[in-house]
Amino acid sequence: MRIVGGLHKGRRFHPPKFFKARPTTDFAKEGLFNLIDNRIDLAGKKVLDLFSGTGSIAYEFISRGCNYVMAVDISAKYLSFIEKTVNIIEPEKKILRTYKGNVFSILKKIELDYDVIFADPPYDIENLEALPDLIFNNNSLKQNSIVIIEHSAQNDFSKHPHFQEKRNYGKVNFSFFS
């Protein structure tokens, strides 16, 4: 895997073989970040990366100048890998924080004062449809936050009141909300 844009463009990282996470393809990341870059200047922004897995998306946000990224995952092994990788990418900066736990539970407890909230849950996860409501029903959600959910073609969020658009890149789909 590699970072596809920003200061660390082209940098490669190699998750351990035991990882079961499905990383977002480089093709999809390039399309996603072209869209994001046209909507918001990421320099100095605060990002929440839910279901972080390999950390691929967190690294992209860091590479593009975000000053704070919270990576959330249920796996301590995945979070440890993300922390080690970020320490190689940005050893002198303390940009990344990690939070271990179930995303659905965490969203009920934490403040959502983030400029961008990105979620890449397992495509077969139960209750995926509830994710946008958990985010938008949180009273601490920052005004004008961009919320992006990666999902399979089988999911349709178009009826959600905060839905803006859906983009697809091969088998990878991104739904945008605000």
Foldseek 3Di string as FASTA:
>chain_A
DAQCDAQRHPDDDDDDPPFPDDDDDSQVVVVVVVVVVVPDQLAQFEEEEEQCRQVNVVVNSVRSHHQAYEYEHQDPSNVVNNVVVVCVVPVVHDRYDYDHDDPLVVLQPDAQQGQEYEYEDDQPDPPPLCVVVSNVVRPRHHPNHKYKYKYFPVDDPPPPPFWDDWDDDVRIIITIGD
